[in-house]
Amino acid sequence: MSILDHKVMAAGSVAGAVLGGLLLGVFPDLVLIPAPALILLVSAVKLARHD
């Protein structure tokens, strides 16, 4: 993995954190909490299936 890949991943993490913070006042916690859990679950399944 190159340094550029790490920078892109870091930028995505920062953007996700900022977006999540902004959405806290818009959507109830009941919606916001399962969303990252679902994303992590899908990512884990995709990683496990990777050949």
N, C-alpha and C. Protein backbone atom coordinates (compact mmCIF):
# COMPACT_ATOMS: atom_id res chain seq x y z
N MET A 1 0.85 -1.17 0.00
CA MET A 1 0.00 0.00 0.00
C MET A 1 0.90 1.23 0.00
N SER A 2 0.63 2.14 -0.91
CA SER A 2 1.48 3.33 -1.02
C SER A 2 1.04 4.42 -0.04
N ILE A 3 1.88 5.42 0.06
CA ILE A 3 1.57 6.54 0.97
C ILE A 3 0.32 7.27 0.49
N LEU A 4 0.11 7.29 -0.83
CA LEU A 4 -1.10 7.93 -1.37
C LEU A 4 -2.36 7.19 -0.92
N ASP A 5 -2.29 5.85 -0.91
CA ASP A 5 -3.43 5.07 -0.45
C ASP A 5 -3.77 5.40 1.00
N HIS A 6 -2.74 5.55 1.83
CA HIS A 6 -2.96 5.87 3.23
C HIS A 6 -3.59 7.25 3.39
N LYS A 7 -3.15 8.19 2.57
CA LYS A 7 -3.72 9.55 2.64
C LYS A 7 -5.17 9.56 2.20
N VAL A 8 -5.50 8.77 1.19
CA VAL A 8 -6.89 8.70 0.72
C VAL A 8 -7.76 8.06 1.79
N MET A 9 -7.26 7.00 2.43
CA MET A 9 -8.02 6.35 3.49
C MET A 9 -8.22 7.28 4.67
N ALA A 10 -7.18 8.04 5.02
CA ALA A 10 -7.28 8.99 6.13
C ALA A 10 -8.29 10.08 5.80
N ALA A 11 -8.27 10.57 4.57
CA ALA A 11 -9.21 11.62 4.17
C ALA A 11 -10.64 11.11 4.25
N GLY A 12 -10.86 9.86 3.85
CA GLY A 12 -12.20 9.28 3.95
C GLY A 12 -12.66 9.14 5.39
N SER A 13 -11.74 8.79 6.26
CA SER A 13 -12.09 8.66 7.68
C SER A 13 -12.45 10.01 8.28
N VAL A 14 -11.68 11.02 7.95
CA VAL A 14 -11.96 12.37 8.46
C VAL A 14 -13.30 12.87 7.91
N ALA A 15 -13.52 12.68 6.63
CA ALA A 15 -14.78 13.11 6.02
C ALA A 15 -15.97 12.39 6.65
N GLY A 16 -15.82 11.09 6.91
CA GLY A 16 -16.90 10.34 7.55
C GLY A 16 -17.19 10.82 8.96
N ALA A 17 -16.12 11.15 9.69
CA ALA A 17 -16.30 11.64 11.06
C ALA A 17 -17.01 13.00 11.06
N VAL A 18 -16.60 13.87 10.15
CA VAL A 18 -17.23 15.20 10.06
C VAL A 18 -18.69 15.06 9.64
N LEU A 19 -18.94 14.26 8.63
CA LEU A 19 -20.31 14.07 8.16
C LEU A 19 -21.18 13.46 9.25
N GLY A 20 -20.65 12.47 9.96
CA GLY A 20 -21.39 11.86 11.06
C GLY A 20 -21.72 12.87 12.15
N GLY A 21 -20.75 13.73 12.46
CA GLY A 21 -20.99 14.76 13.46
C GLY A 21 -22.07 15.74 13.04
N LEU A 22 -22.07 16.10 11.77
CA LEU A 22 -23.08 17.03 11.26
C LEU A 22 -24.48 16.40 11.25
N LEU A 23 -24.52 15.10 11.03
CA LEU A 23 -25.82 14.42 10.96
C LEU A 23 -26.42 14.13 12.33
N LEU A 24 -25.64 14.29 13.39
CA LEU A 24 -26.14 14.01 14.73
C LEU A 24 -27.40 14.80 15.07
N GLY A 25 -27.46 16.04 14.63
CA GLY A 25 -28.62 16.87 14.93
C GLY A 25 -29.78 16.66 13.98
N VAL A 26 -29.53 15.95 12.87
CA VAL A 26 -30.55 15.79 11.85
C VAL A 26 -31.30 14.47 12.00
N PHE A 27 -30.56 13.40 12.25
CA PHE A 27 -31.16 12.07 12.37
C PHE A 27 -31.06 11.58 13.80
N PRO A 28 -32.02 10.80 14.25
CA PRO A 28 -31.96 10.26 15.61
C PRO A 28 -30.86 9.20 15.72
N ASP A 29 -30.39 8.99 16.96
CA ASP A 29 -29.34 8.01 17.21
C ASP A 29 -29.75 6.61 16.75
N LEU A 30 -31.03 6.34 16.79
CA LEU A 30 -31.53 5.03 16.39
C LEU A 30 -31.18 4.72 14.93
N VAL A 31 -31.04 5.76 14.11
CA VAL A 31 -30.67 5.59 12.71
C VAL A 31 -29.15 5.64 12.55
N LEU A 32 -28.50 6.55 13.24
CA LEU A 32 -27.07 6.77 13.03
C LEU A 32 -26.18 5.67 13.61
N ILE A 33 -26.58 5.05 14.66
CA ILE A 33 -25.73 4.02 15.27
C ILE A 33 -25.66 2.75 14.41
N PRO A 34 -26.78 2.23 13.89
CA PRO A 34 -26.68 1.01 13.07
C PRO A 34 -25.99 1.24 11.72
N ALA A 35 -26.00 2.45 11.20
CA ALA A 35 -25.42 2.69 9.87
C ALA A 35 -23.94 2.33 9.81
N PRO A 36 -23.08 2.83 10.70
CA PRO A 36 -21.66 2.42 10.64
C PRO A 36 -21.48 0.93 10.93
N ALA A 37 -22.32 0.38 11.79
CA ALA A 37 -22.23 -1.05 12.08
C ALA A 37 -22.51 -1.87 10.82
N LEU A 38 -23.49 -1.46 10.05
CA LEU A 38 -23.82 -2.15 8.81
C LEU A 38 -22.69 -2.01 7.80
N ILE A 39 -22.12 -0.83 7.70
CA ILE A 39 -21.00 -0.61 6.79
C ILE A 39 -19.82 -1.50 7.18
N LEU A 40 -19.51 -1.58 8.47
CA LEU A 40 -18.41 -2.43 8.93
C LEU A 40 -18.70 -3.90 8.66
N LEU A 41 -19.94 -4.32 8.85
CA LEU A 41 -20.30 -5.71 8.59
C LEU A 41 -20.14 -6.06 7.11
N VAL A 42 -20.62 -5.19 6.24
CA VAL A 42 -20.48 -5.42 4.80
C VAL A 42 -19.01 -5.46 4.41
N SER A 43 -18.22 -4.54 4.97
CA SER A 43 -16.79 -4.52 4.68
C SER A 43 -16.10 -5.80 5.15
N ALA A 44 -16.48 -6.30 6.30
CA ALA A 44 -15.90 -7.52 6.83
C ALA A 44 -16.24 -8.71 5.95
N VAL A 45 -17.46 -8.78 5.47
CA VAL A 45 -17.86 -9.88 4.59
C VAL A 45 -17.10 -9.80 3.27
N LYS A 46 -16.98 -8.60 2.71
CA LYS A 46 -16.24 -8.43 1.47
C LYS A 46 -14.77 -8.81 1.66
N LEU A 47 -14.20 -8.45 2.79
CA LEU A 47 -12.80 -8.79 3.06
C LEU A 47 -12.63 -10.29 3.22
N ALA A 48 -13.57 -10.95 3.87
CA ALA A 48 -13.49 -12.38 4.07
C ALA A 48 -13.64 -13.15 2.75
N ARG A 49 -14.39 -12.61 1.83
CA ARG A 49 -14.61 -13.28 0.54
C ARG A 49 -13.52 -12.99 -0.47
N HIS A 50 -12.65 -12.04 -0.17
CA HIS A 50 -11.60 -11.63 -1.11
C HIS A 50 -10.63 -12.79 -1.37
N ASP A 51 -10.40 -13.07 -2.63
CA ASP A 51 -9.49 -14.16 -2.99
C ASP A 51 -8.10 -13.64 -3.29
